[in-house]
Amino acid sequence: KCLSTWLYSQDGKNQSMKILKANNPEPGKTPIVVSLDILCNGKLKDSYDPETMNGRTKRYNTYLKDSFDKEGMRDPIKITPVKNTNLMKVPKGGNRCYWAKQNGYTHIEAYVI
């Protein structure tokens, strides 16, 4: 489900990197690993609460969370660069990012589209 490694930061201190890996990446495509810190999506804001949402976003609490807890992440998220920044937008995979953040992951597998 995940891969944890130890990295050294620029100041030489150990920091943990916990990667949420996809169980079912596309054949012939290798996903990249990106930090959750550089991803832009409303579901990654500290103020995001799926309980207050309706429609598709409410689905997280009724179905998706249980699925992620049991099976992990099936497919890598999809990301696109945000012009003139080092950030990446998440047009496909916000719930996966939210689950990763809530479960202590620091990085996630993605495809750049």
PDB file of N, CA and C in Angstrom:
ATOM      1  N   LYS A   1       0.806  -1.191   0.000  1.00  0.00           N
ATOM      2  CA  LYS A   1       0.000   0.000   0.000  1.00  0.00           C
ATOM      3  C   LYS A   1       0.853   1.260   0.000  1.00  0.00           C
ATOM      4  N   CYS A   2       1.861   1.292   0.829  1.00  0.00           N
ATOM      5  CA  CYS A   2       2.686   2.493   0.892  1.00  0.00           C
ATOM      6  C   CYS A   2       4.151   2.105   0.994  1.00  0.00           C
ATOM      7  N   LEU A   3       4.982   3.097   0.810  1.00  0.00           N
ATOM      8  CA  LEU A   3       6.424   2.913   0.912  1.00  0.00           C
ATOM      9  C   LEU A   3       6.934   4.028   1.801  1.00  0.00           C
ATOM     10  N   SER A   4       7.577   3.687   2.871  1.00  0.00           N
ATOM     11  CA  SER A   4       8.150   4.705   3.743  1.00  0.00           C
ATOM     12  C   SER A   4       9.663   4.648   3.624  1.00  0.00           C
ATOM     13  N   THR A   5      10.279   5.792   3.487  1.00  0.00           N
ATOM     14  CA  THR A   5      11.731   5.878   3.427  1.00  0.00           C
ATOM     15  C   THR A   5      12.181   7.021   4.316  1.00  0.00           C
ATOM     16  N   TRP A   6      13.462   7.063   4.603  1.00  0.00           N
ATOM     17  CA  TRP A   6      14.025   8.164   5.370  1.00  0.00           C
ATOM     18  C   TRP A   6      14.857   9.022   4.444  1.00  0.00           C
ATOM     19  N   LEU A   7      14.669  10.320   4.544  1.00  0.00           N
ATOM     20  CA  LEU A   7      15.430  11.277   3.755  1.00  0.00           C
ATOM     21  C   LEU A   7      16.158  12.209   4.697  1.00  0.00           C
ATOM     22  N   TYR A   8      17.173  12.864   4.178  1.00  0.00           N
ATOM     23  CA  TYR A   8      17.843  13.904   4.933  1.00  0.00           C
ATOM     24  C   TYR A   8      17.461  15.241   4.343  1.00  0.00           C
ATOM     25  N   SER A   9      17.064  16.169   5.193  1.00  0.00           N
ATOM     26  CA  SER A   9      16.751  17.508   4.717  1.00  0.00           C
ATOM     27  C   SER A   9      18.051  18.274   4.526  1.00  0.00           C
ATOM     28  N   GLN A  10      17.954  19.494   4.028  1.00  0.00           N
ATOM     29  CA  GLN A  10      19.161  20.276   3.767  1.00  0.00           C
ATOM     30  C   GLN A  10      19.948  20.554   5.041  1.00  0.00           C
ATOM     31  N   ASP A  11      19.263  20.615   6.194  1.00  0.00           N
ATOM     32  CA  ASP A  11      19.987  20.856   7.440  1.00  0.00           C
ATOM     33  C   ASP A  11      20.537  19.568   8.055  1.00  0.00           C
ATOM     34  N   GLY A  12      20.389  18.446   7.348  1.00  0.00           N
ATOM     35  CA  GLY A  12      20.980  17.195   7.791  1.00  0.00           C
ATOM     36  C   GLY A  12      20.121  16.389   8.748  1.00  0.00           C
ATOM     37  N   LYS A  13      18.926  16.862   9.062  1.00  0.00           N
ATOM     38  CA  LYS A  13      18.054  16.138   9.991  1.00  0.00           C
ATOM     39  C   LYS A  13      17.222  15.106   9.235  1.00  0.00           C
ATOM     40  N   ASN A  14      16.964  13.988   9.903  1.00  0.00           N
ATOM     41  CA  ASN A  14      16.118  12.948   9.308  1.00  0.00           C
ATOM     42  C   ASN A  14      14.680  13.443   9.220  1.00  0.00           C
ATOM     43  N   GLN A  15      14.036  13.124   8.126  1.00  0.00           N
ATOM     44  CA  GLN A  15      12.602  13.354   8.033  1.00  0.00           C
ATOM     45  C   GLN A  15      11.985  12.181   7.286  1.00  0.00           C
ATOM     46  N   SER A  16      10.824  11.799   7.717  1.00  0.00           N
ATOM     47  CA  SER A  16      10.159  10.651   7.119  1.00  0.00           C
ATOM     48  C   SER A  16       9.407  11.057   5.861  1.00  0.00           C
ATOM     49  N   MET A  17       9.440  10.183   4.862  1.00  0.00           N
ATOM     50  CA  MET A  17       8.672  10.386   3.643  1.00  0.00           C
ATOM     51  C   MET A  17       7.790   9.152   3.491  1.00  0.00           C
ATOM     52  N   LYS A  18       6.487   9.352   3.543  1.00  0.00           N
ATOM     53  CA  LYS A  18       5.541   8.258   3.436  1.00  0.00           C
ATOM     54  C   LYS A  18       4.778   8.433   2.120  1.00  0.00           C
ATOM     55  N   ILE A  19       4.937   7.479   1.201  1.00  0.00           N
ATOM     56  CA  ILE A  19       4.380   7.581  -0.150  1.00  0.00           C
ATOM     57  C   ILE A  19       3.153   6.687  -0.285  1.00  0.00           C
ATOM     58  N   LEU A  20       2.040   7.278  -0.746  1.00  0.00           N
ATOM     59  CA  LEU A  20       0.861   6.489  -1.079  1.00  0.00           C
ATOM     60  C   LEU A  20       1.021   6.022  -2.519  1.00  0.00           C
ATOM     61  N   LYS A  21       1.178   4.711  -2.677  1.00  0.00           N
ATOM     62  CA  LYS A  21       1.403   4.126  -3.992  1.00  0.00           C
ATOM     63  C   LYS A  21       0.102   3.536  -4.534  1.00  0.00           C
ATOM     64  N   ALA A  22      -0.051   3.599  -5.846  1.00  0.00           N
ATOM     65  CA  ALA A  22      -1.235   3.056  -6.509  1.00  0.00           C
ATOM     66  C   ALA A  22      -1.119   1.543  -6.632  1.00  0.00           C
ATOM     67  N   ASN A  23      -2.243   0.866  -6.429  1.00  0.00           N
ATOM     68  CA  ASN A  23      -2.285  -0.588  -6.574  1.00  0.00           C
ATOM     69  C   ASN A  23      -2.431  -1.033  -8.029  1.00  0.00           C
ATOM     70  N   ASN A  24      -2.906  -0.114  -8.889  1.00  0.00           N
ATOM     71  CA  ASN A  24      -3.250  -0.492 -10.252  1.00  0.00           C
ATOM     72  C   ASN A  24      -2.797   0.572 -11.265  1.00  0.00           C
ATOM     73  N   PRO A  25      -1.484   0.871 -11.330  1.00  0.00           N
ATOM     74  CA  PRO A  25      -1.054   1.869 -12.314  1.00  0.00           C
ATOM     75  C   PRO A  25      -1.273   1.367 -13.736  1.00  0.00           C
ATOM     76  N   GLU A  26      -1.402   2.308 -14.671  1.00  0.00           N
ATOM     77  CA  GLU A  26      -1.625   1.944 -16.072  1.00  0.00           C
ATOM     78  C   GLU A  26      -0.426   1.181 -16.614  1.00  0.00           C
ATOM     79  N   PRO A  27      -0.662   0.091 -17.337  1.00  0.00           N
ATOM     80  CA  PRO A  27       0.450  -0.676 -17.916  1.00  0.00           C
ATOM     81  C   PRO A  27       1.288   0.212 -18.849  1.00  0.00           C
ATOM     82  N   GLY A  28       2.577   0.135 -18.701  1.00  0.00           N
ATOM     83  CA  GLY A  28       3.480   0.896 -19.560  1.00  0.00           C
ATOM     84  C   GLY A  28       3.704   2.332 -19.130  1.00  0.00           C
ATOM     85  N   LYS A  29       3.017   2.791 -18.087  1.00  0.00           N
ATOM     86  CA  LYS A  29       3.188   4.159 -17.588  1.00  0.00           C
ATOM     87  C   LYS A  29       3.729   4.092 -16.170  1.00  0.00           C
ATOM     88  N   THR A  30       4.742   4.882 -15.896  1.00  0.00           N
ATOM     89  CA  THR A  30       5.305   4.932 -14.558  1.00  0.00           C
ATOM     90  C   THR A  30       4.886   6.242 -13.894  1.00  0.00           C
ATOM     91  N   PRO A  31       4.141   6.157 -12.787  1.00  0.00           N
ATOM     92  CA  PRO A  31       3.745   7.389 -12.115  1.00  0.00           C
ATOM     93  C   PRO A  31       4.933   8.053 -11.435  1.00  0.00           C
ATOM     94  N   ILE A  32       4.830   9.371 -11.246  1.00  0.00           N
ATOM     95  CA  ILE A  32       5.845  10.088 -10.489  1.00  0.00           C
ATOM     96  C   ILE A  32       5.376  10.216  -9.047  1.00  0.00           C
ATOM     97  N   VAL A  33       6.277  10.529  -8.146  1.00  0.00           N
ATOM     98  CA  VAL A  33       5.948  10.739  -6.744  1.00  0.00           C
ATOM     99  C   VAL A  33       6.021  12.240  -6.475  1.00  0.00           C
ATOM    100  N   VAL A  34       4.927  12.807  -5.950  1.00  0.00           N
ATOM    101  CA  VAL A  34       4.889  14.237  -5.653  1.00  0.00           C
ATOM    102  C   VAL A  34       4.521  14.458  -4.193  1.00  0.00           C
ATOM    103  N   SER A  35       5.013  15.553  -3.655  1.00  0.00           N
ATOM    104  CA  SER A  35       4.703  15.941  -2.287  1.00  0.00           C
ATOM    105  C   SER A  35       3.287  16.498  -2.218  1.00  0.00           C
ATOM    106  N   LEU A  36       2.548  16.123  -1.199  1.00  0.00           N
ATOM    107  CA  LEU A  36       1.221  16.685  -1.005  1.00  0.00           C
ATOM    108  C   LEU A  36       1.301  18.199  -0.798  1.00  0.00           C
ATOM    109  N   ASP A  37       2.443  18.692  -0.351  1.00  0.00           N
ATOM    110  CA  ASP A  37       2.616  20.130  -0.090  1.00  0.00           C
ATOM    111  C   ASP A  37       2.545  20.988  -1.347  1.00  0.00           C
ATOM    112  N   ILE A  38       2.822  20.424  -2.521  1.00  0.00           N
ATOM    113  CA  ILE A  38       2.807  21.242  -3.737  1.00  0.00           C
ATOM    114  C   ILE A  38       1.511  21.100  -4.520  1.00  0.00           C
ATOM    115  N   LEU A  39       0.556  20.349  -3.984  1.00  0.00           N
ATOM    116  CA  LEU A  39      -0.697  20.106  -4.699  1.00  0.00           C
ATOM    117  C   LEU A  39      -1.767  21.120  -4.313  1.00  0.00           C
ATOM    118  N   CYS A  40      -2.509  21.597  -5.308  1.00  0.00           N
ATOM    119  CA  CYS A  40      -3.590  22.556  -5.105  1.00  0.00           C
ATOM    120  C   CYS A  40      -4.921  21.869  -5.379  1.00  0.00           C
ATOM    121  N   ASN A  41      -5.742  21.784  -4.354  1.00  0.00           N
ATOM    122  CA  ASN A  41      -7.079  21.218  -4.489  1.00  0.00           C
ATOM    123  C   ASN A  41      -7.860  21.653  -3.253  1.00  0.00           C
ATOM    124  N   GLY A  42      -9.128  21.987  -3.442  1.00  0.00           N
ATOM    125  CA  GLY A  42      -9.944  22.429  -2.318  1.00  0.00           C
ATOM    126  C   GLY A  42      -9.992  21.430  -1.181  1.00  0.00           C
ATOM    127  N   LYS A  43      -9.832  20.153  -1.487  1.00  0.00           N
ATOM    128  CA  LYS A  43      -9.906  19.114  -0.469  1.00  0.00           C
ATOM    129  C   LYS A  43      -8.626  19.025   0.364  1.00  0.00           C
ATOM    130  N   LEU A  44      -7.585  19.758  -0.025  1.00  0.00           N
ATOM    131  CA  LEU A  44      -6.346  19.763   0.742  1.00  0.00           C
ATOM    132  C   LEU A  44      -6.249  20.977   1.667  1.00  0.00           C
ATOM    133  N   LYS A  45      -7.228  21.876   1.601  1.00  0.00           N
ATOM    134  CA  LYS A  45      -7.236  23.035   2.500  1.00  0.00           C
ATOM    135  C   LYS A  45      -7.518  22.568   3.919  1.00  0.00           C
ATOM    136  N   ASP A  46      -6.881  23.221   4.891  1.00  0.00           N
ATOM    137  CA  ASP A  46      -7.104  22.855   6.290  1.00  0.00           C
ATOM    138  C   ASP A  46      -8.566  23.000   6.689  1.00  0.00           C
ATOM    139  N   SER A  47      -9.295  23.896   6.031  1.00  0.00           N
ATOM    140  CA  SER A  47     -10.697  24.144   6.374  1.00  0.00           C
ATOM    141  C   SER A  47     -11.666  23.155   5.731  1.00  0.00           C
ATOM    142  N   TYR A  48     -11.186  22.249   4.867  1.00  0.00           N
ATOM    143  CA  TYR A  48     -12.075  21.317   4.177  1.00  0.00           C
ATOM    144  C   TYR A  48     -12.678  20.323   5.155  1.00  0.00           C
ATOM    145  N   ASP A  49     -13.985  20.143   5.089  1.00  0.00           N
ATOM    146  CA  ASP A  49     -14.697  19.190   5.935  1.00  0.00           C
ATOM    147  C   ASP A  49     -15.748  18.492   5.080  1.00  0.00           C
ATOM    148  N   PRO A  50     -15.551  17.204   4.746  1.00  0.00           N
ATOM    149  CA  PRO A  50     -16.519  16.513   3.886  1.00  0.00           C
ATOM    150  C   PRO A  50     -17.920  16.434   4.488  1.00  0.00           C
ATOM    151  N   GLU A  51     -18.033  16.587   5.807  1.00  0.00           N
ATOM    152  CA  GLU A  51     -19.358  16.557   6.448  1.00  0.00           C
ATOM    153  C   GLU A  51     -20.215  17.739   6.028  1.00  0.00           C
ATOM    154  N   THR A  52     -19.595  18.853   5.686  1.00  0.00           N
ATOM    155  CA  THR A  52     -20.355  20.056   5.336  1.00  0.00           C
ATOM    156  C   THR A  52     -20.656  20.136   3.851  1.00  0.00           C
ATOM    157  N   MET A  53     -20.148  19.195   3.076  1.00  0.00           N
ATOM    158  CA  MET A  53     -20.341  19.217   1.632  1.00  0.00           C
ATOM    159  C   MET A  53     -21.571  18.402   1.251  1.00  0.00           C
ATOM    160  N   ASN A  54     -22.008  18.585   0.005  1.00  0.00           N
ATOM    161  CA  ASN A  54     -23.133  17.795  -0.484  1.00  0.00           C
ATOM    162  C   ASN A  54     -22.767  17.170  -1.820  1.00  0.00           C
ATOM    163  N   GLY A  55     -23.657  16.380  -2.363  1.00  0.00           N
ATOM    164  CA  GLY A  55     -23.429  15.793  -3.681  1.00  0.00           C
ATOM    165  C   GLY A  55     -22.226  14.875  -3.717  1.00  0.00           C
ATOM    166  N   ARG A  56     -21.419  15.035  -4.762  1.00  0.00           N
ATOM    167  CA  ARG A  56     -20.291  14.128  -4.991  1.00  0.00           C
ATOM    168  C   ARG A  56     -19.264  14.172  -3.876  1.00  0.00           C
ATOM    169  N   THR A  57     -19.029  15.343  -3.275  1.00  0.00           N
ATOM    170  CA  THR A  57     -18.005  15.417  -2.232  1.00  0.00           C
ATOM    171  C   THR A  57     -18.444  14.700  -0.964  1.00  0.00           C
ATOM    172  N   LYS A  58     -19.732  14.625  -0.699  1.00  0.00           N
ATOM    173  CA  LYS A  58     -20.226  13.901   0.480  1.00  0.00           C
ATOM    174  C   LYS A  58     -19.979  12.397   0.340  1.00  0.00           C
ATOM    175  N   ARG A  59     -19.821  11.934  -0.902  1.00  0.00           N
ATOM    176  CA  ARG A  59     -19.538  10.527  -1.182  1.00  0.00           C
ATOM    177  C   ARG A  59     -18.322  10.019  -0.425  1.00  0.00           C
ATOM    178  N   TYR A  60     -17.392  10.927  -0.087  1.00  0.00           N
ATOM    179  CA  TYR A  60     -16.174  10.521   0.620  1.00  0.00           C
ATOM    180  C   TYR A  60     -16.513   9.766   1.897  1.00  0.00           C
ATOM    181  N   ASN A  61     -17.415  10.323   2.707  1.00  0.00           N
ATOM    182  CA  ASN A  61     -17.762   9.691   3.984  1.00  0.00           C
ATOM    183  C   ASN A  61     -18.644   8.473   3.833  1.00  0.00           C
ATOM    184  N   THR A  62     -19.417   8.386   2.767  1.00  0.00           N
ATOM    185  CA  THR A  62     -20.360   7.278   2.631  1.00  0.00           C
ATOM    186  C   THR A  62     -19.773   6.064   1.919  1.00  0.00           C
ATOM    187  N   TYR A  63     -18.746   6.264   1.121  1.00  0.00           N
ATOM    188  CA  TYR A  63     -18.226   5.134   0.352  1.00  0.00           C
ATOM    189  C   TYR A  63     -16.706   5.145   0.233  1.00  0.00           C
ATOM    190  N   LEU A  64     -16.158   6.269  -0.210  1.00  0.00           N
ATOM    191  CA  LEU A  64     -14.744   6.296  -0.584  1.00  0.00           C
ATOM    192  C   LEU A  64     -13.795   6.045   0.577  1.00  0.00           C
ATOM    193  N   LYS A  65     -14.063   6.611   1.746  1.00  0.00           N
ATOM    194  CA  LYS A  65     -13.171   6.415   2.883  1.00  0.00           C
ATOM    195  C   LYS A  65     -13.034   4.931   3.210  1.00  0.00           C
ATOM    196  N   ASP A  66     -14.156   4.209   3.259  1.00  0.00           N
ATOM    197  CA  ASP A  66     -14.092   2.768   3.539  1.00  0.00           C
ATOM    198  C   ASP A  66     -13.296   2.031   2.469  1.00  0.00           C
ATOM    199  N   SER A  67     -13.487   2.427   1.217  1.00  0.00           N
ATOM    200  CA  SER A  67     -12.768   1.799   0.117  1.00  0.00           C
ATOM    201  C   SER A  67     -11.266   2.036   0.243  1.00  0.00           C
ATOM    202  N   PHE A  68     -10.874   3.282   0.528  1.00  0.00           N
ATOM    203  CA  PHE A  68      -9.447   3.596   0.693  1.00  0.00           C
ATOM    204  C   PHE A  68      -8.863   2.840   1.884  1.00  0.00           C
ATOM    205  N   ASP A  69      -9.623   2.795   2.987  1.00  0.00           N
ATOM    206  CA  ASP A  69      -9.136   2.101   4.191  1.00  0.00           C
ATOM    207  C   ASP A  69      -8.890   0.615   3.919  1.00  0.00           C
ATOM    208  N   LYS A  70      -9.759  -0.014   3.129  1.00  0.00           N
ATOM    209  CA  LYS A  70      -9.644  -1.448   2.859  1.00  0.00           C
ATOM    210  C   LYS A  70      -8.669  -1.771   1.737  1.00  0.00           C
ATOM    211  N   GLU A  71      -8.708  -0.985   0.663  1.00  0.00           N
ATOM    212  CA  GLU A  71      -7.972  -1.343  -0.547  1.00  0.00           C
ATOM    213  C   GLU A  71      -6.821  -0.418  -0.912  1.00  0.00           C
ATOM    214  N   GLY A  72      -6.695   0.708  -0.239  1.00  0.00           N
ATOM    215  CA  GLY A  72      -5.661   1.663  -0.606  1.00  0.00           C
ATOM    216  C   GLY A  72      -6.061   2.450  -1.846  1.00  0.00           C
ATOM    217  N   MET A  73      -5.088   3.040  -2.497  1.00  0.00           N
ATOM    218  CA  MET A  73      -5.339   3.840  -3.695  1.00  0.00           C
ATOM    219  C   MET A  73      -5.216   2.966  -4.926  1.00  0.00           C
ATOM    220  N   ARG A  74      -6.259   2.902  -5.696  1.00  0.00           N
ATOM    221  CA  ARG A  74      -6.255   2.058  -6.892  1.00  0.00           C
ATOM    222  C   ARG A  74      -5.416   2.658  -8.021  1.00  0.00           C
ATOM    223  N   ASP A  75      -5.682   3.923  -8.353  1.00  0.00           N
ATOM    224  CA  ASP A  75      -5.003   4.574  -9.480  1.00  0.00           C
ATOM    225  C   ASP A  75      -4.264   5.823  -9.014  1.00  0.00           C
ATOM    226  N   PRO A  76      -3.161   6.174  -9.675  1.00  0.00           N
ATOM    227  CA  PRO A  76      -2.485   7.431  -9.350  1.00  0.00           C
ATOM    228  C   PRO A  76      -3.409   8.629  -9.632  1.00  0.00           C
ATOM    229  N   ILE A  77      -3.177   9.726  -8.920  1.00  0.00           N
ATOM    230  CA  ILE A  77      -3.940  10.938  -9.191  1.00  0.00           C
ATOM    231  C   ILE A  77      -3.446  11.550 -10.495  1.00  0.00           C
ATOM    232  N   LYS A  78      -4.196  12.500 -11.028  1.00  0.00           N
ATOM    233  CA  LYS A  78      -3.805  13.247 -12.231  1.00  0.00           C
ATOM    234  C   LYS A  78      -3.507  14.678 -11.803  1.00  0.00           C
ATOM    235  N   ILE A  79      -2.384  15.228 -12.291  1.00  0.00           N
ATOM    236  CA  ILE A  79      -1.992  16.586 -11.927  1.00  0.00           C
ATOM    237  C   ILE A  79      -1.606  17.392 -13.163  1.00  0.00           C
ATOM    238  N   THR A  80      -1.731  18.708 -13.049  1.00  0.00           N
ATOM    239  CA  THR A  80      -1.300  19.626 -14.103  1.00  0.00           C
ATOM    240  C   THR A  80      -0.537  20.776 -13.453  1.00  0.00           C
ATOM    241  N   PRO A  81       0.480  21.307 -14.130  1.00  0.00           N
ATOM    242  CA  PRO A  81       1.236  22.420 -13.554  1.00  0.00           C
ATOM    243  C   PRO A  81       0.386  23.683 -13.455  1.00  0.00           C
ATOM    244  N   VAL A  82       0.611  24.463 -12.402  1.00  0.00           N
ATOM    245  CA  VAL A  82       0.000  25.779 -12.256  1.00  0.00           C
ATOM    246  C   VAL A  82       1.006  26.782 -12.810  1.00  0.00           C
ATOM    247  N   LYS A  83       0.589  27.527 -13.815  1.00  0.00           N
ATOM    248  CA  LYS A  83       1.477  28.439 -14.535  1.00  0.00           C
ATOM    249  C   LYS A  83       2.212  29.403 -13.595  1.00  0.00           C
ATOM    250  N   ASN A  84       3.493  29.578 -13.840  1.00  0.00           N
ATOM    251  CA  ASN A  84       4.369  30.508 -13.116  1.00  0.00           C
ATOM    252  C   ASN A  84       4.524  30.194 -11.627  1.00  0.00           C
ATOM    253  N   THR A  85       4.339  28.926 -11.236  1.00  0.00           N
ATOM    254  CA  THR A  85       4.546  28.510  -9.840  1.00  0.00           C
ATOM    255  C   THR A  85       5.212  27.139  -9.845  1.00  0.00           C
ATOM    256  N   ASN A  86       5.537  26.659  -8.667  1.00  0.00           N
ATOM    257  CA  ASN A  86       6.033  25.279  -8.548  1.00  0.00           C
ATOM    258  C   ASN A  86       4.928  24.357  -8.034  1.00  0.00           C
ATOM    259  N   LEU A  87       3.672  24.818  -8.126  1.00  0.00           N
ATOM    260  CA  LEU A  87       2.529  24.051  -7.640  1.00  0.00           C
ATOM    261  C   LEU A  87       1.913  23.215  -8.753  1.00  0.00           C
ATOM    262  N   MET A  88       1.162  22.201  -8.349  1.00  0.00           N
ATOM    263  CA  MET A  88       0.461  21.330  -9.287  1.00  0.00           C
ATOM    264  C   MET A  88      -1.015  21.288  -8.894  1.00  0.00           C
ATOM    265  N   LYS A  89      -1.891  21.462  -9.880  1.00  0.00           N
ATOM    266  CA  LYS A  89      -3.335  21.382  -9.676  1.00  0.00           C
ATOM    267  C   LYS A  89      -3.756  19.918  -9.769  1.00  0.00           C
ATOM    268  N   VAL A  90      -4.769  19.529  -9.012  1.00  0.00           N
ATOM    269  CA  VAL A  90      -5.262  18.145  -8.994  1.00  0.00           C
ATOM    270  C   VAL A  90      -6.677  18.118  -9.581  1.00  0.00           C
ATOM    271  N   PRO A  91      -6.806  17.971 -10.919  1.00  0.00           N
ATOM    272  CA  PRO A  91      -8.141  17.894 -11.486  1.00  0.00           C
ATOM    273  C   PRO A  91      -8.817  16.539 -11.272  1.00  0.00           C
ATOM    274  N   LYS A  92      -8.041  15.514 -10.974  1.00  0.00           N
ATOM    275  CA  LYS A  92      -8.589  14.162 -10.777  1.00  0.00           C
ATOM    276  C   LYS A  92      -7.843  13.499  -9.631  1.00  0.00           C
ATOM    277  N   GLY A  93      -8.515  13.379  -8.472  1.00  0.00           N
ATOM    278  CA  GLY A  93      -7.876  12.689  -7.354  1.00  0.00           C
ATOM    279  C   GLY A  93      -7.913  13.431  -6.036  1.00  0.00           C
ATOM    280  N   GLY A  94      -8.778  14.432  -5.904  1.00  0.00           N
ATOM    281  CA  GLY A  94      -8.849  15.201  -4.664  1.00  0.00           C
ATOM    282  C   GLY A  94      -9.173  14.362  -3.445  1.00  0.00           C
ATOM    283  N   ASN A  95     -10.097  13.404  -3.582  1.00  0.00           N
ATOM    284  CA  ASN A  95     -10.431  12.544  -2.440  1.00  0.00           C
ATOM    285  C   ASN A  95      -9.255  11.671  -2.034  1.00  0.00           C
ATOM    286  N   ARG A  96      -8.492  11.206  -3.004  1.00  0.00           N
ATOM    287  CA  ARG A  96      -7.307  10.392  -2.689  1.00  0.00           C
ATOM    288  C   ARG A  96      -6.277  11.230  -1.940  1.00  0.00           C
ATOM    289  N   CYS A  97      -6.119  12.484  -2.359  1.00  0.00           N
ATOM    290  CA  CYS A  97      -5.194  13.391  -1.672  1.00  0.00           C
ATOM    291  C   CYS A  97      -5.658  13.656  -0.248  1.00  0.00           C
ATOM    292  N   TYR A  98      -6.947  13.906  -0.086  1.00  0.00           N
ATOM    293  CA  TYR A  98      -7.504  14.166   1.240  1.00  0.00           C
ATOM    294  C   TYR A  98      -7.282  12.964   2.156  1.00  0.00           C
ATOM    295  N   TRP A  99      -7.565  11.749   1.654  1.00  0.00           N
ATOM    296  CA  TRP A  99      -7.372  10.543   2.454  1.00  0.00           C
ATOM    297  C   TRP A  99      -5.890  10.383   2.833  1.00  0.00           C
ATOM    298  N   ALA A 100      -5.015  10.627   1.858  1.00  0.00           N
ATOM    299  CA  ALA A 100      -3.570  10.508   2.122  1.00  0.00           C
ATOM    300  C   ALA A 100      -3.143  11.462   3.232  1.00  0.00           C
ATOM    301  N   LYS A 101      -3.590  12.702   3.131  1.00  0.00           N
ATOM    302  CA  LYS A 101      -3.231  13.704   4.144  1.00  0.00           C
ATOM    303  C   LYS A 101      -3.767  13.303   5.519  1.00  0.00           C
ATOM    304  N   GLN A 102      -5.021  12.831   5.573  1.00  0.00           N
ATOM    305  CA  GLN A 102      -5.631  12.433   6.840  1.00  0.00           C
ATOM    306  C   GLN A 102      -4.954  11.216   7.465  1.00  0.00           C
ATOM    307  N   ASN A 103      -4.258  10.433   6.646  1.00  0.00           N
ATOM    308  CA  ASN A 103      -3.628   9.202   7.128  1.00  0.00           C
ATOM    309  C   ASN A 103      -2.101   9.295   7.209  1.00  0.00           C
ATOM    310  N   GLY A 104      -1.582  10.502   7.254  1.00  0.00           N
ATOM    311  CA  GLY A 104      -0.163  10.709   7.529  1.00  0.00           C
ATOM    312  C   GLY A 104       0.790  10.561   6.357  1.00  0.00           C
ATOM    313  N   TYR A 105       0.281  10.490   5.148  1.00  0.00           N
ATOM    314  CA  TYR A 105       1.158  10.405   3.980  1.00  0.00           C
ATOM    315  C   TYR A 105       1.710  11.788   3.654  1.00  0.00           C
ATOM    316  N   THR A 106       2.918  11.813   3.133  1.00  0.00           N
ATOM    317  CA  THR A 106       3.546  13.076   2.740  1.00  0.00           C
ATOM    318  C   THR A 106       3.637  13.207   1.224  1.00  0.00           C
ATOM    319  N   HIS A 107       3.581  12.078   0.499  1.00  0.00           N
ATOM    320  CA  HIS A 107       3.729  12.040  -0.952  1.00  0.00           C
ATOM    321  C   HIS A 107       2.703  11.075  -1.544  1.00  0.00           C
ATOM    322  N   ILE A 108       2.454  11.250  -2.851  1.00  0.00           N
ATOM    323  CA  ILE A 108       1.466  10.424  -3.529  1.00  0.00           C
ATOM    324  C   ILE A 108       1.909  10.206  -4.975  1.00  0.00           C
ATOM    325  N   GLU A 109       1.540   9.052  -5.534  1.00  0.00           N
ATOM    326  CA  GLU A 109       1.871   8.798  -6.939  1.00  0.00           C
ATOM    327  C   GLU A 109       0.894   9.537  -7.849  1.00  0.00           C
ATOM    328  N   ALA A 110       1.429  10.035  -8.979  1.00  0.00           N
ATOM    329  CA  ALA A 110       0.612  10.850  -9.896  1.00  0.00           C
ATOM    330  C   ALA A 110       1.079  10.707 -11.329  1.00  0.00           C
ATOM    331  N   TYR A 111       0.158  11.040 -12.245  1.00  0.00           N
ATOM    332  CA  TYR A 111       0.487  11.211 -13.655  1.00  0.00           C
ATOM    333  C   TYR A 111       0.297  12.688 -13.983  1.00  0.00           C
ATOM    334  N   VAL A 112       1.254  13.261 -14.695  1.00  0.00           N
ATOM    335  CA  VAL A 112       1.110  14.635 -15.183  1.00  0.00           C
ATOM    336  C   VAL A 112       0.342  14.569 -16.496  1.00  0.00           C
ATOM    337  N   ILE A 113      -0.734  15.357 -16.582  1.00  0.00           N
ATOM    338  CA  ILE A 113      -1.546  15.358 -17.813  1.00  0.00           C
ATOM    339  C   ILE A 113      -1.486  16.712 -18.480  1.00  0.00           C
TER     340      ILE A 113
END
